[in-house]
Structure formats: C-alpha cells, structure tokens
C-alpha cells in the first residue's frame, strides 16, 4: 500500500469522498443553472433540424437496443413508459440540448472564448479515455473524419457553461453558498 498507517489511509478516503461530494454538488449546480437559464430564455429552434435530430437519436436508441437484444417494446415495458411518454421525453431532451448549444455558442461568441491547443488535446485525450480507446487512434479517427471542429465546439461550450455557472449564486439544500470557481 502507498500508506504507512491506517490513519493515512482513512484520511485519503475521507479526502476522496469529500472531493467526490463537491464534484457531485458542482454537477448538480451546473445542471440547475443551465436548466434555469434555458427556462428563462426563448430560443427559436428550426423545426426541420429538431425533427431530424429526434429521428437520428431515435435510430441510435433502436440500434443500441438491437445490439442489446431488446426490442423497443421490451425497453418501454422495462422503463414503464408508453410510446407517447418516450417520444415526449426524447423531444424535450433534443430541444433542451439544441437550445443549450445555441445559448452557449452565443455566450462564447459574446465573451470571445477560444480554445488553446493544449485544451483541445486534453479534451481529446479525456474523450478517448471515456470511450475506452487508445488516444492516438481516437485522435487519428477524429482528424480523418473531420470531427475536430465538433471537439473545439464542445470545449468552447464547456468554457461558456463554466463562465455562466461561476457567475451564478448557488446555495445548497441548507442555504449555504456553494463555491464553484475551482471545480
């Protein structure tokens, strides 16, 4: 073990748990701030684009279910959802995601946010790890299939969201201020 005493081990576990709790709190705050912002903003979405995105996501879900050996009916039965409930949730998720992208792109443009090469490299490496791929192979695939602009957009949107969240006043369930700057 890397620890000399049981107390060192306990302290490390305590520190990790506290860090995990702060990260969960930051993620919840991020989601709440974005949701509140989206609720307060009216962002017109091109209906044809929304319909195409819904169709694409539905197809992805059906493919994933097929790979898992499950039909849509079985999935809906397991989730205790009707087709209409599923369609409604899917449409809401698509609309929210598209509105968030437009909103974050506008914030990034207004704030003139950019991406440094090191930030892009770090993002690509993290995405490779998340997908379980070799970073070199992942980056090569992204370059060959011209996905780098999408990755740049993800980084910029992340920076815009961080800027919004850091400027928001967030309190926990007990009413205590939550500091999000360094998270």
N, C-alpha and C. Protein backbone atom coordinates (compact mmCIF):
# COMPACT_ATOMS: atom_id res chain seq x y z
N UNK A 1 0.85 -1.18 0.00
CA UNK A 1 0.00 0.00 0.00
C UNK A 1 0.89 1.24 0.00
N UNK A 2 0.36 2.31 -0.51
CA UNK A 2 1.10 3.57 -0.54
C UNK A 2 1.02 4.30 0.80
N UNK A 3 0.25 3.77 1.74
CA UNK A 3 0.07 4.40 3.04
C UNK A 3 0.86 3.65 4.11
N UNK A 4 1.46 4.41 5.00
CA UNK A 4 2.25 3.81 6.08
C UNK A 4 1.39 3.43 7.27
N UNK A 5 0.29 4.14 7.46
CA UNK A 5 -0.57 3.86 8.62
C UNK A 5 -2.02 3.80 8.19
N UNK A 6 -2.82 3.20 9.05
CA UNK A 6 -4.27 3.14 8.80
C UNK A 6 -4.86 4.55 8.81
N UNK A 7 -4.31 5.42 9.63
CA UNK A 7 -4.81 6.81 9.70
C UNK A 7 -4.59 7.53 8.38
N UNK A 8 -3.44 7.30 7.74
CA UNK A 8 -3.18 7.90 6.42
C UNK A 8 -4.19 7.40 5.39
N UNK A 9 -4.50 6.12 5.45
CA UNK A 9 -5.49 5.54 4.55
C UNK A 9 -6.86 6.17 4.80
N UNK A 10 -7.26 6.28 6.08
CA UNK A 10 -8.56 6.89 6.41
C UNK A 10 -8.63 8.33 5.92
N UNK A 11 -7.56 9.06 6.09
CA UNK A 11 -7.52 10.46 5.66
C UNK A 11 -7.65 10.56 4.14
N UNK A 12 -6.97 9.67 3.43
CA UNK A 12 -7.07 9.65 1.97
C UNK A 12 -8.50 9.34 1.52
N UNK A 13 -9.12 8.36 2.14
CA UNK A 13 -10.51 8.01 1.81
C UNK A 13 -11.43 9.19 2.10
N UNK A 14 -11.24 9.83 3.25
CA UNK A 14 -12.05 10.99 3.63
C UNK A 14 -11.90 12.11 2.59
N UNK A 15 -10.67 12.38 2.19
CA UNK A 15 -10.40 13.44 1.21
C UNK A 15 -11.06 13.11 -0.13
N UNK A 16 -10.95 11.87 -0.55
CA UNK A 16 -11.56 11.46 -1.83
C UNK A 16 -13.08 11.57 -1.78
N UNK A 17 -13.67 11.16 -0.67
CA UNK A 17 -15.13 11.25 -0.53
C UNK A 17 -15.59 12.71 -0.54
N UNK A 18 -14.86 13.58 0.15
CA UNK A 18 -15.21 15.00 0.16
C UNK A 18 -15.10 15.59 -1.23
N UNK A 19 -14.04 15.25 -1.95
CA UNK A 19 -13.85 15.75 -3.31
C UNK A 19 -14.97 15.24 -4.22
N UNK A 20 -15.33 13.99 -4.07
CA UNK A 20 -16.42 13.43 -4.86
C UNK A 20 -17.74 14.13 -4.58
N UNK A 21 -17.99 14.43 -3.32
CA UNK A 21 -19.22 15.12 -2.94
C UNK A 21 -19.24 16.52 -3.54
N UNK A 22 -18.10 17.23 -3.49
CA UNK A 22 -18.04 18.57 -4.08
C UNK A 22 -18.26 18.51 -5.59
N UNK A 23 -17.71 17.50 -6.24
CA UNK A 23 -17.90 17.38 -7.68
C UNK A 23 -19.36 17.07 -8.03
N UNK A 24 -20.00 16.22 -7.24
CA UNK A 24 -21.42 15.94 -7.45
C UNK A 24 -22.24 17.20 -7.26
N UNK A 25 -21.90 17.96 -6.23
CA UNK A 25 -22.60 19.21 -5.95
C UNK A 25 -22.41 20.20 -7.11
N UNK A 26 -21.20 20.27 -7.64
CA UNK A 26 -20.92 21.17 -8.76
C UNK A 26 -21.69 20.74 -10.00
N UNK A 27 -21.77 19.44 -10.25
CA UNK A 27 -22.51 18.95 -11.41
C UNK A 27 -24.00 19.26 -11.28
N UNK A 28 -24.53 19.08 -10.08
CA UNK A 28 -25.95 19.39 -9.85
C UNK A 28 -26.19 20.88 -10.02
N UNK A 29 -25.27 21.71 -9.52
CA UNK A 29 -25.40 23.16 -9.67
C UNK A 29 -25.32 23.54 -11.14
N UNK A 30 -24.39 22.96 -11.87
CA UNK A 30 -24.26 23.24 -13.30
C UNK A 30 -25.56 22.93 -14.03
N UNK A 31 -26.12 21.75 -13.76
CA UNK A 31 -27.36 21.35 -14.41
C UNK A 31 -28.51 22.28 -14.05
N UNK A 32 -28.59 22.67 -12.77
CA UNK A 32 -29.67 23.55 -12.31
C UNK A 32 -29.55 24.94 -12.93
N UNK A 33 -28.33 25.47 -12.99
CA UNK A 33 -28.12 26.80 -13.58
C UNK A 33 -28.49 26.78 -15.06
N UNK A 34 -28.05 25.76 -15.78
CA UNK A 34 -28.37 25.68 -17.20
C UNK A 34 -29.87 25.52 -17.41
N UNK A 35 -30.50 24.68 -16.60
CA UNK A 35 -31.95 24.48 -16.73
C UNK A 35 -32.70 25.79 -16.48
N UNK A 36 -32.31 26.52 -15.45
CA UNK A 36 -32.96 27.79 -15.13
C UNK A 36 -32.76 28.79 -16.27
N UNK A 37 -31.57 28.83 -16.81
CA UNK A 37 -31.28 29.73 -17.92
C UNK A 37 -32.11 29.37 -19.14
N UNK A 38 -32.20 28.08 -19.44
CA UNK A 38 -33.00 27.64 -20.60
C UNK A 38 -34.48 27.95 -20.40
N UNK A 39 -34.96 27.79 -19.15
CA UNK A 39 -36.36 28.08 -18.86
C UNK A 39 -36.68 29.57 -19.04
N UNK A 40 -35.68 30.41 -18.78
CA UNK A 40 -35.92 31.86 -18.85
C UNK A 40 -35.68 32.44 -20.24
N UNK A 41 -35.09 31.68 -21.12
CA UNK A 41 -34.77 32.18 -22.46
C UNK A 41 -35.66 31.49 -23.49
N UNK A 42 -36.13 32.29 -24.44
CA UNK A 42 -36.87 31.70 -25.55
C UNK A 42 -35.93 31.63 -26.74
N UNK A 43 -35.61 30.42 -27.11
CA UNK A 43 -34.68 30.21 -28.21
C UNK A 43 -35.43 29.50 -29.32
N UNK A 44 -35.69 30.22 -30.43
CA UNK A 44 -36.40 29.57 -31.54
C UNK A 44 -35.51 28.51 -32.19
N UNK A 45 -36.09 27.35 -32.38
CA UNK A 45 -35.34 26.25 -32.98
C UNK A 45 -35.94 25.91 -34.34
N UNK A 46 -35.09 25.67 -35.34
CA UNK A 46 -35.59 25.27 -36.65
C UNK A 46 -36.25 23.89 -36.57
N UNK A 47 -37.55 23.84 -36.85
CA UNK A 47 -38.31 22.60 -36.67
C UNK A 47 -37.78 21.44 -37.50
N UNK A 48 -37.31 21.73 -38.70
CA UNK A 48 -36.77 20.65 -39.54
C UNK A 48 -35.52 20.05 -38.89
N UNK A 49 -34.70 20.89 -38.30
CA UNK A 49 -33.49 20.42 -37.63
C UNK A 49 -33.84 19.61 -36.39
N UNK A 50 -34.84 20.09 -35.64
CA UNK A 50 -35.30 19.36 -34.46
C UNK A 50 -35.81 17.98 -34.86
N UNK A 51 -36.64 17.94 -35.90
CA UNK A 51 -37.21 16.67 -36.36
C UNK A 51 -36.10 15.72 -36.81
N UNK A 52 -35.12 16.23 -37.51
CA UNK A 52 -34.01 15.38 -37.98
C UNK A 52 -33.20 14.85 -36.80
N UNK A 53 -32.97 15.69 -35.80
CA UNK A 53 -32.21 15.25 -34.62
C UNK A 53 -32.98 14.21 -33.83
N UNK A 54 -34.29 14.41 -33.69
CA UNK A 54 -35.12 13.43 -32.99
C UNK A 54 -35.06 12.08 -33.71
N UNK A 55 -35.19 12.12 -35.02
CA UNK A 55 -35.15 10.88 -35.81
C UNK A 55 -33.79 10.19 -35.66
N UNK A 56 -32.73 10.98 -35.69
CA UNK A 56 -31.39 10.41 -35.53
C UNK A 56 -31.18 9.78 -34.16
N UNK A 57 -31.62 10.46 -33.13
CA UNK A 57 -31.47 9.91 -31.77
C UNK A 57 -32.33 8.67 -31.58
N UNK A 58 -33.55 8.69 -32.14
CA UNK A 58 -34.42 7.51 -32.04
C UNK A 58 -33.75 6.32 -32.72
N UNK A 59 -33.15 6.56 -33.87
CA UNK A 59 -32.46 5.49 -34.58
C UNK A 59 -31.27 4.96 -33.77
N UNK A 60 -30.51 5.86 -33.13
CA UNK A 60 -29.39 5.43 -32.29
C UNK A 60 -29.88 4.55 -31.15
N UNK A 61 -30.97 4.97 -30.51
CA UNK A 61 -31.52 4.20 -29.39
C UNK A 61 -31.97 2.83 -29.87
N UNK A 62 -32.64 2.78 -31.00
CA UNK A 62 -33.11 1.50 -31.53
C UNK A 62 -31.94 0.58 -31.88
N UNK A 63 -30.86 1.15 -32.40
CA UNK A 63 -29.67 0.35 -32.71
C UNK A 63 -29.04 -0.19 -31.43
N UNK A 64 -28.94 0.65 -30.41
CA UNK A 64 -28.36 0.21 -29.14
C UNK A 64 -29.21 -0.91 -28.54
N UNK A 65 -30.52 -0.76 -28.64
CA UNK A 65 -31.41 -1.80 -28.12
C UNK A 65 -31.23 -3.09 -28.90
N UNK A 66 -31.11 -2.97 -30.22
CA UNK A 66 -30.93 -4.15 -31.06
C UNK A 66 -29.65 -4.88 -30.68
N UNK A 67 -28.55 -4.11 -30.47
CA UNK A 67 -27.29 -4.73 -30.06
C UNK A 67 -27.42 -5.42 -28.71
N UNK A 68 -28.29 -4.87 -27.86
CA UNK A 68 -28.51 -5.46 -26.54
C UNK A 68 -29.52 -6.61 -26.60
N UNK A 69 -30.06 -6.86 -27.80
CA UNK A 69 -31.03 -7.95 -27.96
C UNK A 69 -32.40 -7.61 -27.39
N UNK A 70 -32.77 -6.36 -27.45
CA UNK A 70 -34.02 -5.92 -26.86
C UNK A 70 -34.82 -5.13 -27.89
N UNK A 71 -36.11 -5.31 -27.89
CA UNK A 71 -36.97 -4.53 -28.78
C UNK A 71 -37.38 -3.24 -28.08
N UNK A 72 -37.87 -2.29 -28.84
CA UNK A 72 -38.35 -1.03 -28.27
C UNK A 72 -39.49 -1.29 -27.29
N UNK A 73 -40.36 -2.24 -27.65
CA UNK A 73 -41.49 -2.57 -26.77
C UNK A 73 -41.00 -3.11 -25.42
N UNK A 74 -39.99 -3.97 -25.47
CA UNK A 74 -39.43 -4.51 -24.23
C UNK A 74 -38.79 -3.41 -23.39
N UNK A 75 -38.08 -2.52 -24.07
CA UNK A 75 -37.45 -1.40 -23.37
C UNK A 75 -38.50 -0.53 -22.69
N UNK A 76 -39.54 -0.17 -23.42
CA UNK A 76 -40.59 0.68 -22.86
C UNK A 76 -41.29 -0.02 -21.70
N UNK A 77 -41.47 -1.33 -21.83
CA UNK A 77 -42.10 -2.10 -20.76
C UNK A 77 -41.21 -2.08 -19.51
N UNK A 78 -39.91 -2.28 -19.70
CA UNK A 78 -38.95 -2.24 -18.58
C UNK A 78 -38.92 -0.87 -17.90
N UNK A 79 -39.03 0.18 -18.72
CA UNK A 79 -38.98 1.55 -18.20
C UNK A 79 -40.34 2.03 -17.71
N UNK A 80 -41.36 1.19 -17.92
CA UNK A 80 -42.74 1.55 -17.55
C UNK A 80 -43.15 2.87 -18.19
N UNK A 81 -42.91 2.93 -19.52
CA UNK A 81 -43.22 4.12 -20.30
C UNK A 81 -44.10 3.74 -21.48
N UNK A 82 -44.94 4.67 -21.88
CA UNK A 82 -45.70 4.49 -23.11
C UNK A 82 -44.87 5.06 -24.26
N UNK A 83 -45.27 4.76 -25.47
CA UNK A 83 -44.58 5.31 -26.64
C UNK A 83 -44.67 6.83 -26.60
N UNK A 84 -45.84 7.36 -26.26
CA UNK A 84 -46.01 8.82 -26.20
C UNK A 84 -45.11 9.46 -25.15
N UNK A 85 -44.98 8.84 -23.99
CA UNK A 85 -44.10 9.37 -22.94
C UNK A 85 -42.65 9.36 -23.41
N UNK A 86 -42.24 8.25 -24.05
CA UNK A 86 -40.89 8.14 -24.58
C UNK A 86 -40.63 9.23 -25.61
N UNK A 87 -41.55 9.38 -26.54
CA UNK A 87 -41.41 10.39 -27.60
C UNK A 87 -41.36 11.79 -27.01
N UNK A 88 -42.19 12.05 -26.02
CA UNK A 88 -42.21 13.37 -25.38
C UNK A 88 -40.90 13.68 -24.68
N UNK A 89 -40.36 12.69 -23.94
CA UNK A 89 -39.07 12.88 -23.26
C UNK A 89 -37.95 13.08 -24.27
N UNK A 90 -37.96 12.29 -25.34
CA UNK A 90 -36.93 12.41 -26.36
C UNK A 90 -36.97 13.80 -26.99
N UNK A 91 -38.16 14.26 -27.32
CA UNK A 91 -38.28 15.59 -27.92
C UNK A 91 -37.80 16.67 -26.96
N UNK A 92 -38.16 16.56 -25.69
CA UNK A 92 -37.71 17.56 -24.70
C UNK A 92 -36.19 17.55 -24.59
N UNK A 93 -35.59 16.36 -24.52
CA UNK A 93 -34.12 16.28 -24.42
C UNK A 93 -33.46 16.91 -25.64
N UNK A 94 -34.00 16.63 -26.82
CA UNK A 94 -33.42 17.18 -28.05
C UNK A 94 -33.56 18.70 -28.07
N UNK A 95 -34.75 19.19 -27.75
CA UNK A 95 -34.97 20.64 -27.75
C UNK A 95 -34.08 21.33 -26.72
N UNK A 96 -33.99 20.76 -25.54
CA UNK A 96 -33.13 21.35 -24.49
C UNK A 96 -31.66 21.35 -24.93
N UNK A 97 -31.21 20.25 -25.50
CA UNK A 97 -29.81 20.16 -25.93
C UNK A 97 -29.51 21.17 -27.04
N UNK A 98 -30.42 21.28 -27.99
CA UNK A 98 -30.20 22.23 -29.09
C UNK A 98 -30.25 23.67 -28.58
N UNK A 99 -31.19 23.98 -27.71
CA UNK A 99 -31.28 25.32 -27.15
C UNK A 99 -30.02 25.64 -26.34
N UNK A 100 -29.55 24.67 -25.57
CA UNK A 100 -28.32 24.87 -24.78
C UNK A 100 -27.14 25.15 -25.71
N UNK A 101 -27.04 24.43 -26.81
CA UNK A 101 -25.94 24.66 -27.75
C UNK A 101 -26.00 26.08 -28.31
N UNK A 102 -27.19 26.50 -28.74
CA UNK A 102 -27.33 27.86 -29.29
C UNK A 102 -26.98 28.90 -28.24
N UNK A 103 -27.47 28.71 -27.03
CA UNK A 103 -27.22 29.64 -25.94
C UNK A 103 -25.74 29.71 -25.61
N UNK A 104 -25.11 28.56 -25.45
CA UNK A 104 -23.68 28.53 -25.10
C UNK A 104 -22.82 29.07 -26.23
N UNK A 105 -23.22 28.80 -27.47
CA UNK A 105 -22.47 29.36 -28.61
C UNK A 105 -22.55 30.89 -28.60
N UNK A 106 -23.71 31.43 -28.24
CA UNK A 106 -23.87 32.88 -28.18
C UNK A 106 -23.03 33.48 -27.05
N UNK A 107 -23.02 32.83 -25.90
CA UNK A 107 -22.19 33.30 -24.78
C UNK A 107 -20.72 33.26 -25.19
N UNK A 108 -20.31 32.18 -25.82
CA UNK A 108 -18.91 32.05 -26.25
C UNK A 108 -18.53 33.14 -27.25
N UNK A 109 -19.45 33.43 -28.14
CA UNK A 109 -19.20 34.49 -29.15
C UNK A 109 -19.11 35.85 -28.47
N UNK A 110 -20.06 36.15 -27.57
CA UNK A 110 -20.08 37.42 -26.87
C UNK A 110 -18.84 37.61 -26.01
N UNK A 111 -18.43 36.55 -25.33
CA UNK A 111 -17.26 36.60 -24.44
C UNK A 111 -15.95 36.36 -25.17
N UNK A 112 -16.05 36.10 -26.49
CA UNK A 112 -14.88 35.84 -27.33
C UNK A 112 -14.01 34.72 -26.76
N UNK A 113 -14.68 33.61 -26.42
CA UNK A 113 -13.96 32.45 -25.88
C UNK A 113 -13.31 31.68 -27.01
N UNK A 114 -12.12 31.22 -26.77
CA UNK A 114 -11.40 30.43 -27.75
C UNK A 114 -10.84 29.17 -27.11
N UNK A 115 -10.13 28.41 -27.91
CA UNK A 115 -9.57 27.15 -27.43
C UNK A 115 -8.08 27.13 -27.75
N UNK A 116 -7.30 26.86 -26.72
CA UNK A 116 -5.86 26.69 -26.89
C UNK A 116 -5.60 25.24 -27.34
N UNK A 117 -4.48 25.02 -28.00
CA UNK A 117 -4.13 23.68 -28.46
C UNK A 117 -4.06 22.70 -27.29
N UNK A 118 -3.51 23.14 -26.17
CA UNK A 118 -3.39 22.25 -25.00
C UNK A 118 -4.77 21.85 -24.48
N UNK A 119 -5.73 22.79 -24.50
CA UNK A 119 -7.09 22.48 -24.04
C UNK A 119 -7.75 21.46 -24.95
N UNK A 120 -7.56 21.63 -26.26
CA UNK A 120 -8.13 20.70 -27.22
C UNK A 120 -7.50 19.31 -27.05
N UNK A 121 -6.19 19.27 -26.90
CA UNK A 121 -5.50 17.99 -26.70
C UNK A 121 -5.99 17.29 -25.45
N UNK A 122 -6.13 18.04 -24.37
CA UNK A 122 -6.61 17.47 -23.12
C UNK A 122 -8.04 16.93 -23.28
N UNK A 123 -8.89 17.67 -23.99
CA UNK A 123 -10.27 17.24 -24.23
C UNK A 123 -10.29 15.95 -25.06
N UNK A 124 -9.50 15.91 -26.11
CA UNK A 124 -9.44 14.71 -26.95
C UNK A 124 -8.95 13.51 -26.15
N UNK A 125 -7.95 13.72 -25.33
CA UNK A 125 -7.42 12.63 -24.51
C UNK A 125 -8.49 12.13 -23.55
N UNK A 126 -9.22 13.06 -22.90
CA UNK A 126 -10.28 12.68 -21.96
C UNK A 126 -11.40 11.92 -22.67
N UNK A 127 -11.77 12.39 -23.86
CA UNK A 127 -12.83 11.70 -24.62
C UNK A 127 -12.38 10.30 -25.03
N UNK A 128 -11.10 10.16 -25.38
CA UNK A 128 -10.56 8.84 -25.74
C UNK A 128 -10.65 7.91 -24.53
N UNK A 129 -10.27 8.40 -23.36
CA UNK A 129 -10.35 7.59 -22.14
C UNK A 129 -11.78 7.19 -21.85
N UNK A 130 -12.72 8.13 -21.98
CA UNK A 130 -14.13 7.84 -21.70
C UNK A 130 -14.67 6.77 -22.63
N UNK A 131 -14.19 6.75 -23.86
CA UNK A 131 -14.69 5.76 -24.81
C UNK A 131 -13.88 4.47 -24.78
N UNK A 132 -12.82 4.45 -23.95
CA UNK A 132 -12.01 3.24 -23.84
C UNK A 132 -11.10 3.00 -25.02
N UNK A 133 -10.81 4.06 -25.77
CA UNK A 133 -9.97 3.93 -26.96
C UNK A 133 -8.55 4.42 -26.70
N UNK A 134 -7.65 3.96 -27.51
CA UNK A 134 -6.28 4.45 -27.49
C UNK A 134 -6.32 5.91 -27.95
N UNK A 135 -5.72 6.84 -27.19
CA UNK A 135 -5.78 8.25 -27.56
C UNK A 135 -5.27 8.55 -28.97
N UNK A 136 -4.20 7.90 -29.39
CA UNK A 136 -3.67 8.15 -30.74
C UNK A 136 -4.68 7.72 -31.80
N UNK A 137 -5.30 6.55 -31.61
CA UNK A 137 -6.30 6.07 -32.56
C UNK A 137 -7.52 6.98 -32.57
N UNK A 138 -7.93 7.41 -31.39
CA UNK A 138 -9.09 8.29 -31.28
C UNK A 138 -8.83 9.60 -32.03
N UNK A 139 -7.69 10.21 -31.77
CA UNK A 139 -7.37 11.49 -32.42
C UNK A 139 -7.25 11.31 -33.92
N UNK A 140 -6.62 10.23 -34.35
CA UNK A 140 -6.49 9.96 -35.79
C UNK A 140 -7.88 9.86 -36.43
N UNK A 141 -8.79 9.14 -35.77
CA UNK A 141 -10.16 9.00 -36.28
C UNK A 141 -10.84 10.37 -36.35
N UNK A 142 -10.69 11.17 -35.31
CA UNK A 142 -11.32 12.50 -35.27
C UNK A 142 -10.81 13.38 -36.41
N UNK A 143 -9.51 13.32 -36.67
CA UNK A 143 -8.92 14.12 -37.75
C UNK A 143 -9.39 13.61 -39.11
N UNK A 144 -9.31 12.28 -39.31
CA UNK A 144 -9.69 11.70 -40.60
C UNK A 144 -11.15 11.95 -40.96
N UNK A 145 -12.02 11.99 -39.96
CA UNK A 145 -13.45 12.16 -40.21
C UNK A 145 -13.93 13.59 -39.94
N UNK A 146 -12.96 14.51 -39.86
CA UNK A 146 -13.24 15.93 -39.71
C UNK A 146 -14.14 16.25 -38.51
N UNK A 147 -13.87 15.60 -37.37
CA UNK A 147 -14.64 15.84 -36.15
C UNK A 147 -13.96 16.85 -35.22
N UNK A 148 -12.81 17.36 -35.61
CA UNK A 148 -12.10 18.30 -34.74
C UNK A 148 -12.93 19.57 -34.50
N UNK A 149 -13.60 20.12 -35.53
CA UNK A 149 -14.44 21.30 -35.24
C UNK A 149 -15.52 21.02 -34.17
N UNK A 150 -16.07 19.81 -34.17
CA UNK A 150 -17.05 19.45 -33.14
C UNK A 150 -16.40 19.43 -31.76
N UNK A 151 -15.18 18.92 -31.69
CA UNK A 151 -14.47 18.86 -30.42
C UNK A 151 -14.14 20.27 -29.92
N UNK A 152 -13.74 21.15 -30.85
CA UNK A 152 -13.47 22.54 -30.49
C UNK A 152 -14.75 23.17 -29.94
N UNK A 153 -15.88 22.92 -30.61
CA UNK A 153 -17.17 23.47 -30.16
C UNK A 153 -17.52 22.96 -28.76
N UNK A 154 -17.24 21.69 -28.49
CA UNK A 154 -17.51 21.14 -27.15
C UNK A 154 -16.69 21.86 -26.09
N UNK A 155 -15.42 22.11 -26.37
CA UNK A 155 -14.56 22.78 -25.41
C UNK A 155 -15.06 24.21 -25.17
N UNK A 156 -15.38 24.92 -26.25
CA UNK A 156 -15.86 26.30 -26.13
C UNK A 156 -17.16 26.35 -25.35
N UNK A 157 -18.08 25.42 -25.65
CA UNK A 157 -19.35 25.39 -24.92
C UNK A 157 -19.12 25.08 -23.44
N UNK A 158 -18.18 24.19 -23.17
CA UNK A 158 -17.85 23.89 -21.78
C UNK A 158 -17.31 25.11 -21.05
N UNK A 159 -16.48 25.89 -21.73
CA UNK A 159 -15.96 27.11 -21.13
C UNK A 159 -17.07 28.14 -20.91
N UNK A 160 -17.98 28.23 -21.87
CA UNK A 160 -19.11 29.16 -21.73
C UNK A 160 -19.99 28.75 -20.56
N UNK A 161 -20.25 27.46 -20.44
CA UNK A 161 -21.07 26.98 -19.33
C UNK A 161 -20.37 27.22 -17.99
N UNK A 162 -19.07 26.99 -17.94
CA UNK A 162 -18.31 27.23 -16.71
C UNK A 162 -18.38 28.70 -16.32
N UNK A 163 -18.29 29.59 -17.31
CA UNK A 163 -18.38 31.03 -17.06
C UNK A 163 -19.75 31.39 -16.47
N UNK A 164 -20.80 30.82 -17.03
CA UNK A 164 -22.16 31.08 -16.54
C UNK A 164 -22.32 30.56 -15.12
N UNK A 165 -21.89 29.32 -14.90
CA UNK A 165 -22.06 28.70 -13.59
C UNK A 165 -21.25 29.44 -12.53
N UNK A 166 -20.02 29.83 -12.86
CA UNK A 166 -19.18 30.53 -11.89
C UNK A 166 -19.76 31.88 -11.50
N UNK A 167 -20.53 32.49 -12.41
CA UNK A 167 -21.11 33.80 -12.10
C UNK A 167 -22.46 33.68 -11.40
N UNK A 168 -23.00 32.47 -11.31
CA UNK A 168 -24.29 32.26 -10.64
C UNK A 168 -24.09 32.13 -9.14
N UNK A 169 -25.11 32.58 -8.41
CA UNK A 169 -25.09 32.39 -6.95
C UNK A 169 -25.81 31.08 -6.67
N UNK A 170 -25.07 30.13 -6.14
CA UNK A 170 -25.61 28.79 -5.90
C UNK A 170 -25.55 28.50 -4.41
N UNK A 171 -26.67 27.95 -3.89
CA UNK A 171 -26.70 27.54 -2.49
C UNK A 171 -27.10 26.08 -2.43
N UNK A 172 -26.66 25.41 -1.37
CA UNK A 172 -27.02 24.00 -1.19
C UNK A 172 -28.38 23.92 -0.49
N UNK A 173 -28.82 22.71 -0.20
CA UNK A 173 -30.13 22.49 0.40
C UNK A 173 -30.26 23.16 1.77
N UNK A 174 -29.13 23.39 2.43
CA UNK A 174 -29.14 24.03 3.75
C UNK A 174 -29.08 25.55 3.64
N UNK A 175 -28.97 26.07 2.42
CA UNK A 175 -28.90 27.52 2.22
C UNK A 175 -27.48 28.07 2.26
N UNK A 176 -26.49 27.20 2.33
CA UNK A 176 -25.10 27.63 2.36
C UNK A 176 -24.60 27.90 0.94
N UNK A 177 -23.79 28.95 0.79
CA UNK A 177 -23.22 29.29 -0.51
C UNK A 177 -22.29 28.16 -0.97
N UNK A 178 -22.38 27.81 -2.25
CA UNK A 178 -21.51 26.79 -2.83
C UNK A 178 -20.52 27.49 -3.75
N UNK A 179 -19.23 27.34 -3.47
CA UNK A 179 -18.18 27.94 -4.28
C UNK A 179 -17.85 26.99 -5.42
N UNK A 180 -18.04 27.48 -6.65
CA UNK A 180 -17.86 26.61 -7.81
C UNK A 180 -16.65 26.98 -8.66
N UNK A 181 -15.96 28.06 -8.35
CA UNK A 181 -14.88 28.54 -9.20
C UNK A 181 -13.81 27.51 -9.50
N UNK A 182 -13.36 26.79 -8.50
CA UNK A 182 -12.24 25.86 -8.70
C UNK A 182 -12.68 24.45 -9.04
N UNK A 183 -13.98 24.24 -9.21
CA UNK A 183 -14.46 22.89 -9.54
C UNK A 183 -14.70 22.79 -11.02
